[in-house]
PDB file of N, CA and C in Angstrom:
ATOM      1  N   MET A   1      63.364  94.325  62.227  1.00  0.00           N
ATOM      2  CA  MET A   1      62.547  93.177  61.926  1.00  0.00           C
ATOM      3  C   MET A   1      63.426  91.969  61.620  1.00  0.00           C
ATOM      4  N   ILE A   2      64.368  92.133  60.674  1.00  0.00           N
ATOM      5  CA  ILE A   2      65.294  91.054  60.322  1.00  0.00           C
ATOM      6  C   ILE A   2      66.687  91.650  60.163  1.00  0.00           C
ATOM      7  N   GLN A   3      67.672  91.012  60.759  1.00  0.00           N
ATOM      8  CA  GLN A   3      69.059  91.389  60.556  1.00  0.00           C
ATOM      9  C   GLN A   3      69.804  90.150  60.095  1.00  0.00           C
ATOM     10  N   LEU A   4      70.160  90.147  58.836  1.00  0.00           N
ATOM     11  CA  LEU A   4      70.903  89.046  58.241  1.00  0.00           C
ATOM     12  C   LEU A   4      72.095  89.700  57.551  1.00  0.00           C
ATOM     13  N   ALA A   5      73.190  89.826  58.289  1.00  0.00           N
ATOM     14  CA  ALA A   5      74.345  90.595  57.823  1.00  0.00           C
ATOM     15  C   ALA A   5      74.680  90.268  56.376  1.00  0.00           C
ATOM     16  N   PRO A   6      74.890  91.274  55.568  1.00  0.00           N
ATOM     17  CA  PRO A   6      74.976  92.690  55.909  1.00  0.00           C
ATOM     18  C   PRO A   6      73.649  93.444  55.707  1.00  0.00           C
ATOM     19  N   TYR A   7      72.525  92.762  55.645  1.00  0.00           N
ATOM     20  CA  TYR A   7      71.239  93.401  55.351  1.00  0.00           C
ATOM     21  C   TYR A   7      70.401  93.599  56.608  1.00  0.00           C
ATOM     22  N   ASN A   8      69.667  94.710  56.640  1.00  0.00           N
ATOM     23  CA  ASN A   8      68.724  94.998  57.721  1.00  0.00           C
ATOM     24  C   ASN A   8      67.382  95.335  57.100  1.00  0.00           C
ATOM     25  N   ILE A   9      66.322  94.710  57.603  1.00  0.00           N
ATOM     26  CA  ILE A   9      64.966  95.021  57.170  1.00  0.00           C
ATOM     27  C   ILE A   9      64.222  95.541  58.390  1.00  0.00           C
ATOM     28  N   ASN A  10      63.633  96.717  58.246  1.00  0.00           N
ATOM     29  CA  ASN A  10      62.908  97.343  59.344  1.00  0.00           C
ATOM     30  C   ASN A  10      61.440  97.549  58.965  1.00  0.00           C
ATOM     31  N   MET A  11      60.573  97.439  59.935  1.00  0.00           N
ATOM     32  CA  MET A  11      59.166  97.789  59.782  1.00  0.00           C
ATOM     33  C   MET A  11      58.985  99.053  60.612  1.00  0.00           C
ATOM     34  N   GLU A  12      58.486 100.100  59.975  1.00  0.00           N
ATOM     35  CA  GLU A  12      58.354 101.378  60.661  1.00  0.00           C
ATOM     36  C   GLU A  12      56.910 101.853  60.578  1.00  0.00           C
ATOM     37  N   HIS A  13      56.313 102.119  61.732  1.00  0.00           N
ATOM     38  CA  HIS A  13      54.953 102.666  61.784  1.00  0.00           C
ATOM     39  C   HIS A  13      55.077 104.097  62.272  1.00  0.00           C
ATOM     40  N   ARG A  14      54.634 105.032  61.453  1.00  0.00           N
ATOM     41  CA  ARG A  14      54.813 106.446  61.772  1.00  0.00           C
ATOM     42  C   ARG A  14      53.470 107.148  61.896  1.00  0.00           C
ATOM     43  N   ILE A  15      53.373 108.006  62.888  1.00  0.00           N
ATOM     44  CA  ILE A  15      52.180 108.835  63.025  1.00  0.00           C
ATOM     45  C   ILE A  15      52.541 110.313  62.888  1.00  0.00           C
ATOM     46  N   MET A  16      53.839 110.579  62.694  1.00  0.00           N
ATOM     47  CA  MET A  16      54.315 111.939  62.467  1.00  0.00           C
ATOM     48  C   MET A  16      55.567 111.872  61.596  1.00  0.00           C
ATOM     49  N   GLY A  17      55.999 113.027  61.117  1.00  0.00           N
ATOM     50  CA  GLY A  17      57.198 113.089  60.289  1.00  0.00           C
ATOM     51  C   GLY A  17      58.443 112.686  61.071  1.00  0.00           C
ATOM     52  N   GLN A  18      59.548 112.573  60.361  1.00  0.00           N
ATOM     53  CA  GLN A  18      60.821 112.150  60.948  1.00  0.00           C
ATOM     54  C   GLN A  18      61.921 113.106  60.540  1.00  0.00           C
ATOM     55  N   ALA A  19      63.072 112.985  61.176  1.00  0.00           N
ATOM     56  CA  ALA A  19      64.251 113.759  60.796  1.00  0.00           C
ATOM     57  C   ALA A  19      64.754 113.268  59.436  1.00  0.00           C
ATOM     58  N   ALA A  20      65.567 114.071  58.800  1.00  0.00           N
ATOM     59  CA  ALA A  20      66.174 113.703  57.527  1.00  0.00           C
ATOM     60  C   ALA A  20      67.427 112.879  57.768  1.00  0.00           C
ATOM     61  N   ALA A  21      67.817 112.079  56.772  1.00  0.00           N
ATOM     62  CA  ALA A  21      68.992 111.214  56.923  1.00  0.00           C
ATOM     63  C   ALA A  21      69.742 111.072  55.604  1.00  0.00           C
ATOM     64  N   VAL A  22      71.016 110.732  55.732  1.00  0.00           N
ATOM     65  CA  VAL A  22      71.858 110.328  54.603  1.00  0.00           C
ATOM     66  C   VAL A  22      72.615 109.090  55.051  1.00  0.00           C
ATOM     67  N   HIS A  23      72.553 108.034  54.250  1.00  0.00           N
ATOM     68  CA  HIS A  23      73.337 106.823  54.499  1.00  0.00           C
ATOM     69  C   HIS A  23      74.474 106.837  53.477  1.00  0.00           C
ATOM     70  N   GLU A  24      75.698 107.004  53.956  1.00  0.00           N
ATOM     71  CA  GLU A  24      76.833 107.181  53.053  1.00  0.00           C
ATOM     72  C   GLU A  24      77.342 105.892  52.432  1.00  0.00           C
ATOM     73  N   LYS A  25      76.996 104.731  53.013  1.00  0.00           N
ATOM     74  CA  LYS A  25      77.536 103.466  52.507  1.00  0.00           C
ATOM     75  C   LYS A  25      76.465 102.452  52.153  1.00  0.00           C
ATOM     76  N   GLU A  26      75.206 102.886  52.073  1.00  0.00           N
ATOM     77  CA  GLU A  26      74.143 101.954  51.698  1.00  0.00           C
ATOM     78  C   GLU A  26      72.963 102.693  51.093  1.00  0.00           C
ATOM     79  N   ALA A  27      72.293 102.014  50.187  1.00  0.00           N
ATOM     80  CA  ALA A  27      71.035 102.515  49.636  1.00  0.00           C
ATOM     81  C   ALA A  27      69.915 102.057  50.572  1.00  0.00           C
ATOM     82  N   GLU A  28      68.734 102.642  50.409  1.00  0.00           N
ATOM     83  CA  GLU A  28      67.592 102.214  51.209  1.00  0.00           C
ATOM     84  C   GLU A  28      66.374 102.077  50.304  1.00  0.00           C
ATOM     85  N   LEU A  29      65.751 100.919  50.378  1.00  0.00           N
ATOM     86  CA  LEU A  29      64.560 100.630  49.592  1.00  0.00           C
ATOM     87  C   LEU A  29      63.364 100.624  50.530  1.00  0.00           C
ATOM     88  N   PHE A  30      62.377 101.467  50.233  1.00  0.00           N
ATOM     89  CA  PHE A  30      61.152 101.545  51.038  1.00  0.00           C
ATOM     90  C   PHE A  30      60.005 100.891  50.289  1.00  0.00           C
ATOM     91  N   TYR A  31      59.151 100.190  51.020  1.00  0.00           N
ATOM     92  CA  TYR A  31      57.881  99.684  50.495  1.00  0.00           C
ATOM     93  C   TYR A  31      56.790 100.172  51.435  1.00  0.00           C
ATOM     94  N   VAL A  32      55.785 100.863  50.881  1.00  0.00           N
ATOM     95  CA  VAL A  32      54.691 101.384  51.700  1.00  0.00           C
ATOM     96  C   VAL A  32      53.656 100.282  51.881  1.00  0.00           C
ATOM     97  N   ILE A  33      53.518  99.813  53.107  1.00  0.00           N
ATOM     98  CA  ILE A  33      52.573  98.749  53.428  1.00  0.00           C
ATOM     99  C   ILE A  33      51.169  99.301  53.587  1.00  0.00           C
ATOM    100  N   ASP A  34      51.057 100.471  54.249  1.00  0.00           N
ATOM    101  CA  ASP A  34      49.747 101.071  54.458  1.00  0.00           C
ATOM    102  C   ASP A  34      49.906 102.557  54.756  1.00  0.00           C
ATOM    103  N   GLY A  35      48.921 103.329  54.372  1.00  0.00           N
ATOM    104  CA  GLY A  35      48.896 104.747  54.691  1.00  0.00           C
ATOM    105  C   GLY A  35      49.406 105.616  53.562  1.00  0.00           C
ATOM    106  N   THR A  36      49.500 106.912  53.881  1.00  0.00           N
ATOM    107  CA  THR A  36      49.887 107.919  52.909  1.00  0.00           C
ATOM    108  C   THR A  36      50.775 108.955  53.590  1.00  0.00           C
ATOM    109  N   GLY A  37      51.720 109.485  52.842  1.00  0.00           N
ATOM    110  CA  GLY A  37      52.593 110.524  53.369  1.00  0.00           C
ATOM    111  C   GLY A  37      53.362 111.188  52.244  1.00  0.00           C
ATOM    112  N   THR A  38      54.377 111.927  52.603  1.00  0.00           N
ATOM    113  CA  THR A  38      55.231 112.615  51.635  1.00  0.00           C
ATOM    114  C   THR A  38      56.674 112.249  51.933  1.00  0.00           C
ATOM    115  N   ILE A  39      57.426 111.908  50.881  1.00  0.00           N
ATOM    116  CA  ILE A  39      58.861 111.684  51.019  1.00  0.00           C
ATOM    117  C   ILE A  39      59.584 112.783  50.251  1.00  0.00           C
ATOM    118  N   VAL A  40      60.682 113.253  50.799  1.00  0.00           N
ATOM    119  CA  VAL A  40      61.541 114.235  50.138  1.00  0.00           C
ATOM    120  C   VAL A  40      62.892 113.577  49.938  1.00  0.00           C
ATOM    121  N   THR A  41      63.425 113.667  48.714  1.00  0.00           N
ATOM    122  CA  THR A  41      64.741 113.104  48.405  1.00  0.00           C
ATOM    123  C   THR A  41      65.592 114.149  47.704  1.00  0.00           C
ATOM    124  N   GLY A  42      66.904 113.992  47.838  1.00  0.00           N
ATOM    125  CA  GLY A  42      67.824 114.929  47.198  1.00  0.00           C
ATOM    126  C   GLY A  42      68.025 116.174  48.052  1.00  0.00           C
ATOM    127  N   GLY A  43      68.602 117.187  47.471  1.00  0.00           N
ATOM    128  CA  GLY A  43      68.828 118.427  48.196  1.00  0.00           C
ATOM    129  C   GLY A  43      69.967 118.326  49.194  1.00  0.00           C
ATOM    130  N   LYS A  44      69.858 119.127  50.257  1.00  0.00           N
ATOM    131  CA  LYS A  44      70.915 119.212  51.268  1.00  0.00           C
ATOM    132  C   LYS A  44      70.294 119.168  52.653  1.00  0.00           C
ATOM    133  N   LEU A  45      70.950 118.427  53.568  1.00  0.00           N
ATOM    134  CA  LEU A  45      70.483 118.370  54.949  1.00  0.00           C
ATOM    135  C   LEU A  45      70.594 119.744  55.618  1.00  0.00           C
ATOM    136  N   VAL A  46      69.590 120.094  56.410  1.00  0.00           N
ATOM    137  CA  VAL A  46      69.613 121.304  57.223  1.00  0.00           C
ATOM    138  C   VAL A  46      70.053 120.899  58.632  1.00  0.00           C
ATOM    139  N   GLU A  47      70.961 121.669  59.220  1.00  0.00           N
ATOM    140  CA  GLU A  47      71.517 121.375  60.547  1.00  0.00           C
ATOM    141  C   GLU A  47      72.105 119.956  60.594  1.00  0.00           C
ATOM    142  N   GLU A  48      72.951 119.683  59.622  1.00  0.00           N
ATOM    143  CA  GLU A  48      73.562 118.353  59.479  1.00  0.00           C
ATOM    144  C   GLU A  48      74.395 117.966  60.694  1.00  0.00           C
ATOM    145  N   LYS A  49      74.215 116.711  61.144  1.00  0.00           N
ATOM    146  CA  LYS A  49      74.998 116.154  62.250  1.00  0.00           C
ATOM    147  C   LYS A  49      75.397 114.730  61.896  1.00  0.00           C
ATOM    148  N   ARG A  50      76.583 114.340  62.297  1.00  0.00           N
ATOM    149  CA  ARG A  50      77.033 112.963  62.085  1.00  0.00           C
ATOM    150  C   ARG A  50      76.467 112.103  63.206  1.00  0.00           C
ATOM    151  N   THR A  51      75.773 111.017  62.826  1.00  0.00           N
ATOM    152  CA  THR A  51      75.201 110.122  63.828  1.00  0.00           C
ATOM    153  C   THR A  51      76.109 108.924  64.101  1.00  0.00           C
ATOM    154  N   ASN A  52      76.896 108.517  63.105  1.00  0.00           N
ATOM    155  CA  ASN A  52      77.912 107.471  63.264  1.00  0.00           C
ATOM    156  C   ASN A  52      78.848 107.548  62.068  1.00  0.00           C
ATOM    157  N   ASP A  53      79.741 106.565  61.891  1.00  0.00           N
ATOM    158  CA  ASP A  53      80.752 106.653  60.831  1.00  0.00           C
ATOM    159  C   ASP A  53      80.184 106.568  59.416  1.00  0.00           C
ATOM    160  N   ALA A  54      78.909 106.204  59.252  1.00  0.00           N
ATOM    161  CA  ALA A  54      78.355 106.050  57.908  1.00  0.00           C
ATOM    162  C   ALA A  54      77.024 106.775  57.697  1.00  0.00           C
ATOM    163  N   ASN A  55      76.557 107.558  58.702  1.00  0.00           N
ATOM    164  CA  ASN A  55      75.245 108.188  58.589  1.00  0.00           C
ATOM    165  C   ASN A  55      75.251 109.624  59.097  1.00  0.00           C
ATOM    166  N   LEU A  56      74.443 110.436  58.433  1.00  0.00           N
ATOM    167  CA  LEU A  56      74.231 111.821  58.835  1.00  0.00           C
ATOM    168  C   LEU A  56      72.747 112.019  59.080  1.00  0.00           C
ATOM    169  N   SER A  57      72.413 112.992  59.919  1.00  0.00           N
ATOM    170  CA  SER A  57      71.003 113.342  60.108  1.00  0.00           C
ATOM    171  C   SER A  57      70.867 114.850  60.030  1.00  0.00           C
ATOM    172  N   GLY A  58      69.645 115.310  59.881  1.00  0.00           N
ATOM    173  CA  GLY A  58      69.357 116.736  59.832  1.00  0.00           C
ATOM    174  C   GLY A  58      67.910 116.981  60.199  1.00  0.00           C
ATOM    175  N   THR A  59      67.588 118.232  60.475  1.00  0.00           N
ATOM    176  CA  THR A  59      66.221 118.562  60.860  1.00  0.00           C
ATOM    177  C   THR A  59      65.263 118.547  59.676  1.00  0.00           C
ATOM    178  N   SER A  60      65.792 118.815  58.478  1.00  0.00           N
ATOM    179  CA  SER A  60      64.971 118.826  57.263  1.00  0.00           C
ATOM    180  C   SER A  60      65.892 118.805  56.046  1.00  0.00           C
ATOM    181  N   ILE A  61      65.281 118.954  54.870  1.00  0.00           N
ATOM    182  CA  ILE A  61      66.037 118.973  53.612  1.00  0.00           C
ATOM    183  C   ILE A  61      65.711 120.268  52.871  1.00  0.00           C
ATOM    184  N   GLN A  62      66.757 120.906  52.387  1.00  0.00           N
ATOM    185  CA  GLN A  62      66.586 122.114  51.586  1.00  0.00           C
ATOM    186  C   GLN A  62      66.825 121.766  50.128  1.00  0.00           C
ATOM    187  N   GLY A  63      65.868 122.097  49.266  1.00  0.00           N
ATOM    188  CA  GLY A  63      66.045 121.905  47.834  1.00  0.00           C
ATOM    189  C   GLY A  63      65.770 120.516  47.313  1.00  0.00           C
ATOM    190  N   GLY A  64      65.156 119.648  48.092  1.00  0.00           N
ATOM    191  CA  GLY A  64      64.848 118.293  47.627  1.00  0.00           C
ATOM    192  C   GLY A  64      63.581 118.246  46.786  1.00  0.00           C
ATOM    193  N   VAL A  65      63.244 117.053  46.329  1.00  0.00           N
ATOM    194  CA  VAL A  65      62.043 116.818  45.529  1.00  0.00           C
ATOM    195  C   VAL A  65      61.025 116.076  46.400  1.00  0.00           C
ATOM    196  N   SER A  66      59.816 116.615  46.498  1.00  0.00           N
ATOM    197  CA  SER A  66      58.744 115.996  47.290  1.00  0.00           C
ATOM    198  C   SER A  66      57.885 115.103  46.413  1.00  0.00           C
ATOM    199  N   LYS A  67      57.460 113.977  46.986  1.00  0.00           N
ATOM    200  CA  LYS A  67      56.577 113.055  46.269  1.00  0.00           C
ATOM    201  C   LYS A  67      55.603 112.442  47.269  1.00  0.00           C
ATOM    202  N   ARG A  68      54.344 112.417  46.905  1.00  0.00           N
ATOM    203  CA  ARG A  68      53.320 111.775  47.737  1.00  0.00           C
ATOM    204  C   ARG A  68      53.482 110.264  47.581  1.00  0.00           C
ATOM    205  N   ILE A  69      53.445 109.545  48.695  1.00  0.00           N
ATOM    206  CA  ILE A  69      53.571 108.090  48.660  1.00  0.00           C
ATOM    207  C   ILE A  69      52.358 107.466  49.340  1.00  0.00           C
ATOM    208  N   SER A  70      51.993 106.269  48.881  1.00  0.00           N
ATOM    209  CA  SER A  70      50.849 105.579  49.467  1.00  0.00           C
ATOM    210  C   SER A  70      51.011 104.073  49.287  1.00  0.00           C
ATOM    211  N   LYS A  71      50.084 103.344  49.881  1.00  0.00           N
ATOM    212  CA  LYS A  71      50.120 101.883  49.895  1.00  0.00           C
ATOM    213  C   LYS A  71      50.496 101.307  48.531  1.00  0.00           C
ATOM    214  N   GLY A  72      51.488 100.400  48.548  1.00  0.00           N
ATOM    215  CA  GLY A  72      51.933  99.731  47.327  1.00  0.00           C
ATOM    216  C   GLY A  72      53.123 100.374  46.634  1.00  0.00           C
ATOM    217  N   ASP A  73      53.507 101.577  47.040  1.00  0.00           N
ATOM    218  CA  ASP A  73      54.633 102.262  46.403  1.00  0.00           C
ATOM    219  C   ASP A  73      55.971 101.692  46.865  1.00  0.00           C
ATOM    220  N   TRP A  74      56.929 101.641  45.937  1.00  0.00           N
ATOM    221  CA  TRP A  74      58.326 101.292  46.206  1.00  0.00           C
ATOM    222  C   TRP A  74      59.156 102.539  45.948  1.00  0.00           C
ATOM    223  N   ILE A  75      60.090 102.862  46.830  1.00  0.00           N
ATOM    224  CA  ILE A  75      60.951 104.028  46.652  1.00  0.00           C
ATOM    225  C   ILE A  75      62.388 103.596  46.915  1.00  0.00           C
ATOM    226  N   MET A  76      63.258 103.792  45.938  1.00  0.00           N
ATOM    227  CA  MET A  76      64.684 103.478  46.094  1.00  0.00           C
ATOM    228  C   MET A  76      65.438 104.781  46.316  1.00  0.00           C
ATOM    229  N   VAL A  77      66.172 104.859  47.413  1.00  0.00           N
ATOM    230  CA  VAL A  77      66.998 106.026  47.719  1.00  0.00           C
ATOM    231  C   VAL A  77      68.454 105.565  47.630  1.00  0.00           C
ATOM    232  N   PRO A  78      69.193 106.046  46.625  1.00  0.00           N
ATOM    233  CA  PRO A  78      70.594 105.633  46.484  1.00  0.00           C
ATOM    234  C   PRO A  78      71.443 106.101  47.663  1.00  0.00           C
ATOM    235  N   GLU A  79      72.572 105.425  47.889  1.00  0.00           N
ATOM    236  CA  GLU A  79      73.478 105.844  48.962  1.00  0.00           C
ATOM    237  C   GLU A  79      73.912 107.283  48.727  1.00  0.00           C
ATOM    238  N   GLY A  80      74.091 108.008  49.823  1.00  0.00           N
ATOM    239  CA  GLY A  80      74.546 109.393  49.739  1.00  0.00           C
ATOM    240  C   GLY A  80      73.465 110.419  49.438  1.00  0.00           C
ATOM    241  N   VAL A  81      72.220 109.984  49.284  1.00  0.00           N
ATOM    242  CA  VAL A  81      71.126 110.901  48.939  1.00  0.00           C
ATOM    243  C   VAL A  81      70.309 111.221  50.195  1.00  0.00           C
ATOM    244  N   PRO A  82      70.168 112.514  50.529  1.00  0.00           N
ATOM    245  CA  PRO A  82      69.316 112.881  51.654  1.00  0.00           C
ATOM    246  C   PRO A  82      67.877 112.418  51.413  1.00  0.00           C
ATOM    247  N   HIS A  83      67.217 111.981  52.497  1.00  0.00           N
ATOM    248  CA  HIS A  83      65.819 111.574  52.388  1.00  0.00           C
ATOM    249  C   HIS A  83      65.110 111.791  53.715  1.00  0.00           C
ATOM    250  N   GLN A  84      63.800 112.014  53.614  1.00  0.00           N
ATOM    251  CA  GLN A  84      62.999 112.314  54.791  1.00  0.00           C
ATOM    252  C   GLN A  84      61.532 112.078  54.464  1.00  0.00           C
ATOM    253  N   ILE A  85      60.800 111.580  55.446  1.00  0.00           N
ATOM    254  CA  ILE A  85      59.339 111.514  55.343  1.00  0.00           C
ATOM    255  C   ILE A  85      58.824 112.552  56.340  1.00  0.00           C
ATOM    256  N   PRO A  86      58.650 113.817  55.878  1.00  0.00           N
ATOM    257  CA  PRO A  86      58.296 114.898  56.797  1.00  0.00           C
ATOM    258  C   PRO A  86      56.811 114.964  57.150  1.00  0.00           C
ATOM    259  N   GLN A  87      55.961 114.352  56.305  1.00  0.00           N
ATOM    260  CA  GLN A  87      54.522 114.432  56.535  1.00  0.00           C
ATOM    261  C   GLN A  87      53.881 113.060  56.420  1.00  0.00           C
ATOM    262  N   VAL A  88      52.991 112.783  57.361  1.00  0.00           N
ATOM    263  CA  VAL A  88      52.218 111.551  57.372  1.00  0.00           C
ATOM    264  C   VAL A  88      50.754 111.939  57.498  1.00  0.00           C
ATOM    265  N   GLU A  89      49.906 111.316  56.688  1.00  0.00           N
ATOM    266  CA  GLU A  89      48.471 111.582  56.759  1.00  0.00           C
ATOM    267  C   GLU A  89      47.825 110.491  57.605  1.00  0.00           C
ATOM    268  N   GLY A  90      47.638 110.769  58.885  1.00  0.00           N
ATOM    269  CA  GLY A  90      47.086 109.770  59.798  1.00  0.00           C
ATOM    270  C   GLY A  90      48.174 108.854  60.321  1.00  0.00           C
ATOM    271  N   ALA A  91      48.474 107.808  59.573  1.00  0.00           N
ATOM    272  CA  ALA A  91      49.528 106.861  59.938  1.00  0.00           C
ATOM    273  C   ALA A  91      50.135 106.299  58.654  1.00  0.00           C
ATOM    274  N   LEU A  92      51.373 105.887  58.739  1.00  0.00           N
ATOM    275  CA  LEU A  92      52.093 105.341  57.594  1.00  0.00           C
ATOM    276  C   LEU A  92      52.932 104.161  58.086  1.00  0.00           C
ATOM    277  N   THR A  93      52.801 103.029  57.415  1.00  0.00           N
ATOM    278  CA  THR A  93      53.609 101.856  57.744  1.00  0.00           C
ATOM    279  C   THR A  93      54.461 101.513  56.531  1.00  0.00           C
ATOM    280  N   VAL A  94      55.774 101.521  56.736  1.00  0.00           N
ATOM    281  CA  VAL A  94      56.700 101.212  55.655  1.00  0.00           C
ATOM    282  C   VAL A  94      57.676 100.124  56.090  1.00  0.00           C
ATOM    283  N   MET A  95      58.122  99.356  55.117  1.00  0.00           N
ATOM    284  CA  MET A  95      59.200  98.412  55.323  1.00  0.00           C
ATOM    285  C   MET A  95      60.413  99.030  54.642  1.00  0.00           C
ATOM    286  N   SER A  96      61.561  99.024  55.312  1.00  0.00           N
ATOM    287  CA  SER A  96      62.761  99.541  54.676  1.00  0.00           C
ATOM    288  C   SER A  96      63.851  98.488  54.699  1.00  0.00           C
ATOM    289  N   LEU A  97      64.533  98.356  53.586  1.00  0.00           N
ATOM    290  CA  LEU A  97      65.621  97.398  53.420  1.00  0.00           C
ATOM    291  C   LEU A  97      66.886  98.206  53.127  1.00  0.00           C
ATOM    292  N   HIS A  98      67.878  98.068  53.998  1.00  0.00           N
ATOM    293  CA  HIS A  98      69.159  98.741  53.798  1.00  0.00           C
ATOM    294  C   HIS A  98      70.057  97.851  52.957  1.00  0.00           C
ATOM    295  N   LEU A  99      70.579  98.427  51.870  1.00  0.00           N
ATOM    296  CA  LEU A  99      71.357  97.670  50.887  1.00  0.00           C
ATOM    297  C   LEU A  99      72.781  98.204  50.849  1.00  0.00           C
ATOM    298  N   PRO A 100      73.724  97.545  51.543  1.00  0.00           N
ATOM    299  CA  PRO A 100      75.102  98.024  51.549  1.00  0.00           C
ATOM    300  C   PRO A 100      75.764  97.871  50.193  1.00  0.00           C
ATOM    301  N   ARG A 101      76.822  98.669  49.986  1.00  0.00           N
ATOM    302  CA  ARG A 101      77.577  98.580  48.724  1.00  0.00           C
ATOM    303  C   ARG A 101      78.077  97.181  48.490  1.00  0.00           C
TER     304      ARG A 101
END
């Protein structure tokens, strides 16, 4: 949506869950614009793969904490913390702001 170095703001519309991720050099702030889903944070990536020099991905998270999210919620995921939105109820629209160190 907006790229103003070193910040990136994305608008994401989801109708299904996503892979898990870890951003090693930036935090990520989510704002739920509309819809409902579940976010999992913490734990360990399953089937971890390096996607680039600062990010990892995985198929899911083992041992994380699940939280139901809905319109109006803010979620801060610190750098280095696995996170995933594995479940969406209908559709979910979130804005995410990547916050580098």
